[in-house]
Amino acid sequence: MRGVRASSPRAEELMDLALDAAQSQSLPEFLRKFAVRSGRMLQAKWCAVAVFRGAEADFYSGGSSQEEKHRPGKTLEKLLVASARTVEEDVAVLPANPGAFSNSKSSPKGPKGFETLLVRIDSGDGERLGCVFLLREPKELTEADRRLLRALASHAALSLVNFRRFSQLERSKRQWVEDIDAITDYIVVHDRRWK
């Protein structure tokens, strides 16, 4: 067919991400798939999504043996999250020593020969929901890469907000059922003569 090109691998991955979001019943499962696909699209050695929970953060990554080999330790994960909470850019390349963002003098160095990309995940009203981390070999971050990273962060934000809303609806539904059950315990059925 004339004028029709084969779709790029990135486009295929983005379409699959949209399908994953629509079909996922579990947020952790979706975020792990999201991390795997994002890492593939940007040739990352390791990719994870960190979701903020107050002062803590939950990390979701693909978990393949190849990726786990490059996974940072818990101390470095904490430094990455601290960086994500303070960095102002929506897409940032962290220095070789991620502690430079958190003003820590005794921070461990990241894996040699790699850079860490940090992509903020913000809701539409500016709430910082989390971030995406990608560990990859240093190379120029093109404008196309930046646009892709922003699109991924936007997709992750929509998914996180949707899962959050769905969870709230489920809790409300359960509460309504409990309330209705409690009310029916107090309803007394009687006839006109109060029998």
Protein backbone atom coordinates (compact mmCIF):
# COMPACT_ATOMS: atom_id res chain seq x y z
CA MET A 1 0.00 0.00 0.00
CA ARG A 2 1.26 3.41 -0.87
CA GLY A 3 1.81 5.94 1.91
CA VAL A 4 1.55 3.36 4.70
CA ARG A 5 4.72 2.72 6.62
CA ALA A 6 5.47 -0.01 9.08
CA SER A 7 4.95 1.37 12.55
CA SER A 8 7.99 2.02 14.67
CA PRO A 9 8.80 -0.17 17.67
CA ARG A 10 8.10 2.82 19.94
CA ALA A 11 4.63 3.25 18.46
CA GLU A 12 3.93 -0.47 18.97
CA GLU A 13 5.07 -0.24 22.60
CA LEU A 14 2.89 2.85 23.19
CA MET A 15 -0.14 1.07 21.77
CA ASP A 16 0.57 -1.95 23.97
CA LEU A 17 0.90 0.38 26.99
CA ALA A 18 -2.55 1.78 26.29
CA LEU A 19 -3.96 -1.75 26.07
CA ASP A 20 -2.23 -2.73 29.33
CA ALA A 21 -3.75 0.27 31.10
CA ALA A 22 -7.22 -0.56 29.82
CA GLN A 23 -7.01 -4.25 30.74
CA SER A 24 -5.05 -4.22 34.00
CA GLN A 25 -6.87 -5.09 37.18
CA SER A 26 -3.82 -4.60 39.39
CA LEU A 27 -1.76 -1.43 39.72
CA PRO A 28 1.51 -3.24 40.60
CA GLU A 29 1.12 -5.53 37.57
CA PHE A 30 0.47 -2.56 35.29
CA LEU A 31 3.43 -0.56 36.67
CA ARG A 32 5.81 -3.50 36.20
CA LYS A 33 4.71 -3.86 32.56
CA PHE A 34 4.97 -0.09 32.18
CA ALA A 35 8.57 -0.14 33.47
CA VAL A 36 9.54 -2.98 31.12
CA ARG A 37 8.06 -1.26 28.06
CA SER A 38 9.51 2.15 28.96
CA GLY A 39 12.93 0.62 29.47
CA ARG A 40 12.78 -1.09 26.08
CA MET A 41 11.71 2.08 24.29
CA LEU A 42 14.67 4.02 25.70
CA GLN A 43 17.25 1.20 25.68
CA ALA A 44 17.59 1.30 29.47
CA LYS A 45 19.41 -1.35 31.48
CA TRP A 46 16.96 -0.86 34.34
CA CYS A 47 13.69 1.03 34.58
CA ALA A 48 11.38 1.50 37.54
CA VAL A 49 8.35 3.49 38.50
CA ALA A 50 8.37 4.93 42.01
CA VAL A 51 4.97 5.80 43.46
CA PHE A 52 5.04 8.15 46.44
CA ARG A 53 3.24 7.14 49.63
CA GLY A 54 3.81 10.02 52.02
CA ALA A 55 7.50 9.98 52.93
CA GLU A 56 7.96 6.50 51.43
CA ALA A 57 7.91 5.25 47.85
CA ASP A 58 7.08 1.90 46.27
CA PHE A 59 9.32 0.77 43.39
CA TYR A 60 7.96 -1.28 40.49
CA SER A 61 10.33 -2.70 37.90
CA GLY A 62 10.23 -5.55 35.41
CA GLY A 63 12.31 -7.84 37.52
CA SER A 64 14.08 -9.83 34.80
CA SER A 65 17.45 -11.25 35.84
CA GLN A 66 19.21 -8.88 33.41
CA GLU A 67 17.43 -5.86 34.92
CA GLU A 68 17.94 -7.01 38.50
CA LYS A 69 21.68 -7.10 37.83
CA HIS A 70 21.54 -3.32 37.30
CA ARG A 71 19.00 -2.51 40.01
CA PRO A 72 20.36 0.01 42.52
CA GLY A 73 20.50 -0.91 46.18
CA LYS A 74 17.99 0.33 48.77
CA THR A 75 20.24 3.22 49.84
CA LEU A 76 20.58 4.43 46.28
CA GLU A 77 16.82 4.01 45.72
CA LYS A 78 16.21 6.31 48.70
CA LEU A 79 18.58 8.89 47.23
CA LEU A 80 16.83 8.65 43.86
CA VAL A 81 13.46 9.27 45.54
CA ALA A 82 14.89 12.23 47.46
CA SER A 83 16.13 13.61 44.15
CA ALA A 84 12.72 13.08 42.56
CA ARG A 85 11.03 15.04 45.34
CA THR A 86 13.30 18.08 44.87
CA VAL A 87 14.15 18.25 41.17
CA GLU A 88 12.20 20.94 39.31
CA GLU A 89 12.63 19.75 35.71
CA ASP A 90 10.09 17.29 34.35
CA VAL A 91 12.95 15.31 32.76
CA ALA A 92 16.36 15.37 34.41
CA VAL A 93 19.64 13.54 33.93
CA LEU A 94 21.08 12.79 37.33
CA PRO A 95 24.81 13.18 37.84
CA ALA A 96 27.06 10.15 38.32
CA ASN A 97 26.66 10.70 42.06
CA PRO A 98 22.89 10.92 42.69
CA GLY A 99 23.59 12.23 46.18
CA ALA A 100 24.45 15.58 44.60
CA PHE A 101 20.72 16.23 44.27
CA SER A 102 20.02 15.45 47.92
CA ASN A 103 23.07 17.34 49.28
CA SER A 104 24.34 14.15 50.91
CA LYS A 105 28.11 14.01 51.40
CA SER A 106 28.26 10.27 52.05
CA SER A 107 26.14 8.96 49.22
CA PRO A 108 27.17 5.91 47.25
CA LYS A 109 27.99 6.18 43.59
CA GLY A 110 25.66 4.69 41.02
CA PRO A 111 26.80 1.99 38.61
CA LYS A 112 29.86 3.13 36.66
CA GLY A 113 29.37 4.04 33.02
CA PHE A 114 25.64 4.71 33.32
CA GLU A 115 23.40 7.72 33.73
CA THR A 116 20.04 7.87 35.44
CA LEU A 117 17.12 9.66 33.82
CA LEU A 118 14.47 10.91 36.19
CA VAL A 119 11.01 11.69 34.83
CA ARG A 120 8.51 13.28 37.20
CA ILE A 121 4.96 11.93 37.30
CA ASP A 122 2.64 14.78 38.25
CA SER A 123 -1.14 14.81 38.33
CA GLY A 124 -3.10 17.40 36.37
CA ASP A 125 -3.39 19.58 39.47
CA GLY A 126 0.38 19.53 40.10
CA GLU A 127 0.52 16.83 42.79
CA ARG A 128 3.75 14.87 42.55
CA LEU A 129 2.63 11.23 42.31
CA GLY A 130 5.99 9.62 41.67
CA CYS A 131 8.62 9.31 38.98
CA VAL A 132 10.12 7.02 36.38
CA PHE A 133 13.81 6.13 36.65
CA LEU A 134 15.81 4.79 33.72
CA LEU A 135 19.39 3.58 34.02
CA ARG A 136 21.12 3.69 30.65
CA GLU A 137 24.43 4.26 28.95
CA PRO A 138 25.17 7.98 28.64
CA LYS A 139 24.05 9.51 25.38
CA GLU A 140 22.45 12.68 24.16
CA LEU A 141 18.87 13.11 25.27
CA THR A 142 17.16 14.21 22.07
CA GLU A 143 14.00 16.31 21.90
CA ALA A 144 12.18 13.21 20.60
CA ASP A 145 13.35 11.29 23.69
CA ARG A 146 12.16 14.13 25.94
CA ARG A 147 8.75 14.15 24.26
CA LEU A 148 8.50 10.38 24.66
CA LEU A 149 9.47 10.61 28.34
CA ARG A 150 6.87 13.33 28.94
CA ALA A 151 4.24 11.22 27.16
CA LEU A 152 5.17 8.21 29.31
CA ALA A 153 4.96 10.29 32.50
CA SER A 154 1.57 11.64 31.42
CA HIS A 155 0.33 8.12 30.69
CA ALA A 156 1.58 6.92 34.09
CA ALA A 157 -0.10 9.87 35.82
CA LEU A 158 -3.44 9.16 34.16
CA SER A 159 -3.20 5.50 35.09
CA LEU A 160 -2.26 6.24 38.72
CA VAL A 161 -5.11 8.74 39.09
CA ASN A 162 -7.58 6.31 37.48
CA PHE A 163 -6.50 3.44 39.74
CA ARG A 164 -6.76 5.76 42.75
CA ARG A 165 -10.29 6.83 41.77
CA PHE A 166 -11.33 3.25 41.12
CA SER A 167 -10.03 2.23 44.56
CA GLN A 168 -11.99 5.07 46.16
CA LEU A 169 -15.14 3.93 44.33
CA GLU A 170 -14.61 0.36 45.51
CA ARG A 171 -14.19 1.53 49.12
CA SER A 172 -17.33 3.68 48.83
CA LYS A 173 -19.26 0.76 47.39
CA ARG A 174 -18.18 -1.51 50.25
CA GLN A 175 -19.13 1.18 52.78
CA TRP A 176 -22.57 1.57 51.21
CA VAL A 177 -23.15 -2.18 51.33
CA GLU A 178 -22.12 -2.27 55.00
CA ASP A 179 -24.39 0.70 55.79
CA ILE A 180 -27.37 -0.86 54.01
CA ASP A 181 -26.77 -4.17 55.82
CA ALA A 182 -26.63 -2.33 59.16
CA ILE A 183 -29.88 -0.49 58.39
CA THR A 184 -31.70 -3.69 57.46
CA ASP A 185 -30.75 -5.15 60.85
CA TYR A 186 -32.86 -2.41 62.47
CA ILE A 187 -35.85 -2.57 60.14
CA VAL A 188 -38.77 -4.33 61.75
CA VAL A 189 -41.49 -5.78 59.57
CA HIS A 190 -44.99 -5.65 61.04
CA ASP A 191 -48.62 -5.53 60.01
CA ARG A 192 -51.20 -2.80 60.66
CA ARG A 193 -51.82 -4.09 64.14
CA TRP A 194 -48.11 -3.81 64.93
CA LYS A 195 -47.66 -7.56 65.00
